[in-house]
Amino acid sequence: MRIAPLREPLDEEVAPVLRSMMPAGAPPIALFRTFGKNPEMTAAMRDWGGYCLSRRLSIDMRTREIVIDRVTARCGCEYEFGVHLAFFADRVGLSADQRRSLAFGGADDPCWTEPRERLAIRMVDELHDTATVAQPLWEELSALFTEPQLLDLLMLTGWYHAISFVARAAQVPLEEGSPTFASLR
C-alpha cells in the first residue's frame, strides 16, 4: 500500500463527503478513504462519480456495470472490479460466465447474446487498446445508442480507467469479501 486509506475517526472536513459517497449507513470503502487524503479532489470525484452511478446516466444499470467491469478488468484493477461485482453484479443479473468473460474473455463469448452488450464490450476494448473508436465500430454503436448514451459510454470508460490507475498505483487494499480475479477462474 503506497497511500494508506484514512482510518476512523475521520476528519470533520472529509467525513461528510466520504459518507455521502456510500449508501446510507455503509462505511466508506478503502478507495474513497484514500481519496480523502485530498479533500478537494474527493468532493469533485463525489460529484462526477455520483453521476456515473446515478439514474441520470443515459444508459441502463446493466450496461453501466458491464462497461465498468470490463474497463477495470482490462486495466488489471482487481480492487474496483471486485467492488463492482460485489455491489452490482447480482443486481444487474450478470451470470457466472459473464463475470468470467468480463475478466478474461471477450465480446464474442457465447454468454453475450445482446448486441448492445457485445458492442459496449468491444468499445471498451478498442478504447483501451487504441484510445479511440474506429469508424466501423462507431457506426455500429451509433445504430444502437443515442448520442447522449455514446457520450456517457465514452466518459464512463475514461472515468473508470482513471479510477483504475489511482487504485492500482496507490495500491488500495482489496475490500474484505470482494471477488478477486482468481475467484472467477
Protein backbone atom coordinates (compact mmCIF):
# COMPACT_ATOMS: atom_id res chain seq x y z
CA MET A 1 0.00 0.00 0.00
CA ARG A 2 1.53 3.29 -1.12
CA ILE A 3 -1.15 5.69 0.11
CA ALA A 4 -2.86 4.36 3.20
CA PRO A 5 -6.61 4.96 3.37
CA LEU A 6 -7.81 7.26 6.14
CA ARG A 7 -8.96 5.47 9.28
CA GLU A 8 -11.78 6.21 11.70
CA PRO A 9 -12.35 8.62 13.24
CA LEU A 10 -12.44 10.65 10.05
CA ASP A 11 -11.62 14.36 9.98
CA GLU A 12 -14.72 16.58 10.26
CA GLU A 13 -13.98 18.15 6.87
CA VAL A 14 -13.81 14.92 4.89
CA ALA A 15 -16.15 12.60 6.84
CA PRO A 16 -19.42 14.02 5.44
CA VAL A 17 -18.07 13.91 1.89
CA LEU A 18 -16.92 10.30 2.21
CA ARG A 19 -20.17 9.21 3.83
CA SER A 20 -22.17 10.88 1.06
CA MET A 21 -20.37 8.64 -1.44
CA MET A 22 -21.79 5.49 0.17
CA PRO A 23 -25.25 4.02 0.71
CA ALA A 24 -26.81 5.16 3.98
CA GLY A 25 -25.13 3.53 6.96
CA ALA A 26 -22.32 1.90 4.99
CA PRO A 27 -18.79 2.91 5.95
CA PRO A 28 -16.62 4.46 3.23
CA ILE A 29 -14.68 1.90 1.19
CA ALA A 30 -10.87 1.97 1.12
CA LEU A 31 -10.70 3.72 -2.26
CA PHE A 32 -12.83 6.62 -1.03
CA ARG A 33 -10.82 6.82 2.21
CA THR A 34 -7.69 7.01 0.05
CA PHE A 35 -9.24 9.84 -1.97
CA GLY A 36 -9.93 11.51 1.39
CA LYS A 37 -6.26 12.41 1.64
CA ASN A 38 -7.12 15.15 -0.90
CA PRO A 39 -10.47 16.66 0.24
CA GLU A 40 -10.91 18.98 -2.77
CA MET A 41 -10.35 16.15 -5.21
CA THR A 42 -12.67 13.92 -3.18
CA ALA A 43 -15.52 16.42 -3.38
CA ALA A 44 -15.09 16.73 -7.15
CA MET A 45 -14.91 12.95 -7.54
CA ARG A 46 -18.05 12.52 -5.44
CA ASP A 47 -19.93 14.78 -7.82
CA TRP A 48 -18.75 13.10 -11.03
CA GLY A 49 -18.72 9.59 -9.59
CA GLY A 50 -22.24 10.18 -8.30
CA TYR A 51 -23.33 10.99 -11.83
CA CYS A 52 -21.72 7.81 -13.18
CA LEU A 53 -23.66 5.70 -10.71
CA SER A 54 -26.92 7.67 -10.79
CA ARG A 55 -30.16 7.29 -12.65
CA ARG A 56 -29.25 10.47 -14.55
CA LEU A 57 -26.81 8.43 -16.65
CA SER A 58 -28.47 7.81 -20.00
CA ILE A 59 -27.57 4.12 -20.14
CA ASP A 60 -29.17 1.38 -18.08
CA MET A 61 -27.54 -0.01 -14.95
CA ARG A 62 -26.62 -3.34 -16.55
CA THR A 63 -24.78 -1.71 -19.46
CA ARG A 64 -23.07 0.64 -17.00
CA GLU A 65 -21.80 -2.28 -14.94
CA ILE A 66 -20.66 -4.23 -17.99
CA VAL A 67 -18.61 -1.20 -19.05
CA ILE A 68 -17.18 -0.60 -15.56
CA ASP A 69 -16.33 -4.26 -15.03
CA ARG A 70 -14.69 -4.57 -18.43
CA VAL A 71 -12.67 -1.36 -18.02
CA THR A 72 -11.41 -2.30 -14.58
CA ALA A 73 -10.59 -5.85 -15.70
CA ARG A 74 -8.70 -4.62 -18.76
CA CYS A 75 -6.77 -2.22 -16.52
CA GLY A 76 -5.96 -5.08 -14.14
CA CYS A 77 -7.69 -3.27 -11.28
CA GLU A 78 -8.80 -6.14 -9.10
CA TYR A 79 -9.89 -3.71 -6.36
CA GLU A 80 -12.51 -1.83 -8.39
CA PHE A 81 -13.54 -4.89 -10.38
CA GLY A 82 -14.23 -6.75 -7.14
CA VAL A 83 -16.10 -3.84 -5.54
CA HIS A 84 -18.42 -3.53 -8.53
CA LEU A 85 -19.03 -7.26 -8.76
CA ALA A 86 -19.80 -7.39 -5.03
CA PHE A 87 -22.21 -4.44 -5.10
CA PHE A 88 -23.86 -4.70 -8.51
CA ALA A 89 -23.33 -7.99 -10.40
CA ASP A 90 -26.29 -9.78 -8.82
CA ARG A 91 -28.49 -6.67 -9.10
CA VAL A 92 -27.93 -6.44 -12.85
CA GLY A 93 -28.10 -10.18 -13.45
CA LEU A 94 -24.55 -10.93 -14.56
CA SER A 95 -24.13 -14.70 -14.79
CA ALA A 96 -21.00 -16.50 -13.61
CA ASP A 97 -19.99 -16.96 -17.27
CA GLN A 98 -20.46 -13.24 -17.95
CA ARG A 99 -18.40 -12.27 -14.90
CA ARG A 100 -15.60 -14.58 -16.09
CA SER A 101 -15.89 -13.23 -19.62
CA LEU A 102 -15.58 -9.65 -18.44
CA ALA A 103 -12.38 -10.56 -16.62
CA PHE A 104 -10.81 -12.98 -19.09
CA GLY A 105 -12.86 -13.27 -22.27
CA GLY A 106 -14.33 -11.01 -24.89
CA ALA A 107 -17.42 -9.70 -26.64
CA ASP A 108 -17.67 -12.80 -28.84
CA ASP A 109 -18.03 -15.19 -25.91
CA PRO A 110 -21.30 -17.16 -26.16
CA CYS A 111 -22.58 -15.74 -22.86
CA TRP A 112 -23.15 -12.37 -24.59
CA THR A 113 -26.32 -12.56 -26.67
CA GLU A 114 -27.43 -8.91 -26.58
CA PRO A 115 -25.92 -6.82 -29.42
CA ARG A 116 -25.74 -3.68 -27.25
CA GLU A 117 -23.74 -5.53 -24.60
CA ARG A 118 -21.33 -7.01 -27.16
CA LEU A 119 -20.83 -3.54 -28.65
CA ALA A 120 -20.21 -1.97 -25.24
CA ILE A 121 -17.50 -4.55 -24.52
CA ARG A 122 -15.95 -4.04 -27.96
CA MET A 123 -15.97 -0.27 -27.40
CA VAL A 124 -14.21 -0.60 -24.04
CA ASP A 125 -11.60 -2.91 -25.57
CA GLU A 126 -10.98 -0.63 -28.52
CA LEU A 127 -10.69 2.47 -26.32
CA HIS A 128 -8.34 0.59 -24.00
CA ASP A 129 -6.17 -0.63 -26.86
CA THR A 130 -6.18 2.43 -29.13
CA ALA A 131 -7.59 5.41 -27.15
CA THR A 132 -10.24 5.90 -29.86
CA VAL A 133 -13.14 4.18 -31.60
CA ALA A 134 -12.63 3.35 -35.27
CA GLN A 135 -15.34 4.37 -37.71
CA PRO A 136 -16.76 0.88 -38.36
CA LEU A 137 -17.36 0.26 -34.63
CA TRP A 138 -18.64 3.83 -34.20
CA GLU A 139 -21.25 3.19 -36.89
CA GLU A 140 -22.39 0.01 -35.15
CA LEU A 141 -22.57 1.81 -31.80
CA SER A 142 -24.46 4.74 -33.35
CA ALA A 143 -27.10 2.38 -34.70
CA LEU A 144 -27.96 1.14 -31.19
CA PHE A 145 -27.05 4.02 -28.87
CA THR A 146 -28.13 7.68 -28.92
CA GLU A 147 -25.56 10.46 -28.92
CA PRO A 148 -26.13 11.18 -25.18
CA GLN A 149 -25.65 7.46 -24.49
CA LEU A 150 -22.46 7.38 -26.57
CA LEU A 151 -21.08 10.33 -24.63
CA ASP A 152 -21.94 8.63 -21.34
CA LEU A 153 -20.32 5.38 -22.50
CA LEU A 154 -17.13 7.18 -23.54
CA MET A 155 -16.89 9.21 -20.34
CA LEU A 156 -17.73 6.22 -18.15
CA THR A 157 -14.94 4.25 -19.81
CA GLY A 158 -12.46 7.06 -19.25
CA TRP A 159 -13.61 7.68 -15.68
CA TYR A 160 -13.09 4.07 -14.64
CA HIS A 161 -9.78 3.95 -16.48
CA ALA A 162 -8.67 6.84 -14.24
CA ILE A 163 -10.12 5.17 -11.13
CA SER A 164 -8.20 2.02 -12.05
CA PHE A 165 -4.96 3.97 -12.37
CA VAL A 166 -5.42 5.52 -8.92
CA ALA A 167 -6.44 2.29 -7.19
CA ARG A 168 -3.57 0.32 -8.71
CA ALA A 169 -0.83 2.92 -8.35
CA ALA A 170 -1.85 3.80 -4.77
CA GLN A 171 -2.14 0.04 -4.07
CA VAL A 172 -5.53 0.36 -2.40
CA PRO A 173 -6.09 -2.82 -0.36
CA LEU A 174 -8.85 -5.15 -1.50
CA GLU A 175 -12.19 -4.92 0.28
CA GLU A 176 -12.91 -7.88 2.52
CA GLY A 177 -15.17 -10.35 0.78
CA SER A 178 -14.94 -8.78 -2.68
CA PRO A 179 -14.44 -11.20 -5.57
CA THR A 180 -10.93 -11.48 -6.98
CA PHE A 181 -9.83 -12.39 -10.47
CA ALA A 182 -8.66 -15.78 -9.17
CA SER A 183 -12.08 -16.50 -7.67
CA LEU A 184 -13.62 -16.34 -11.15
CA ARG A 185 -11.37 -18.96 -12.74
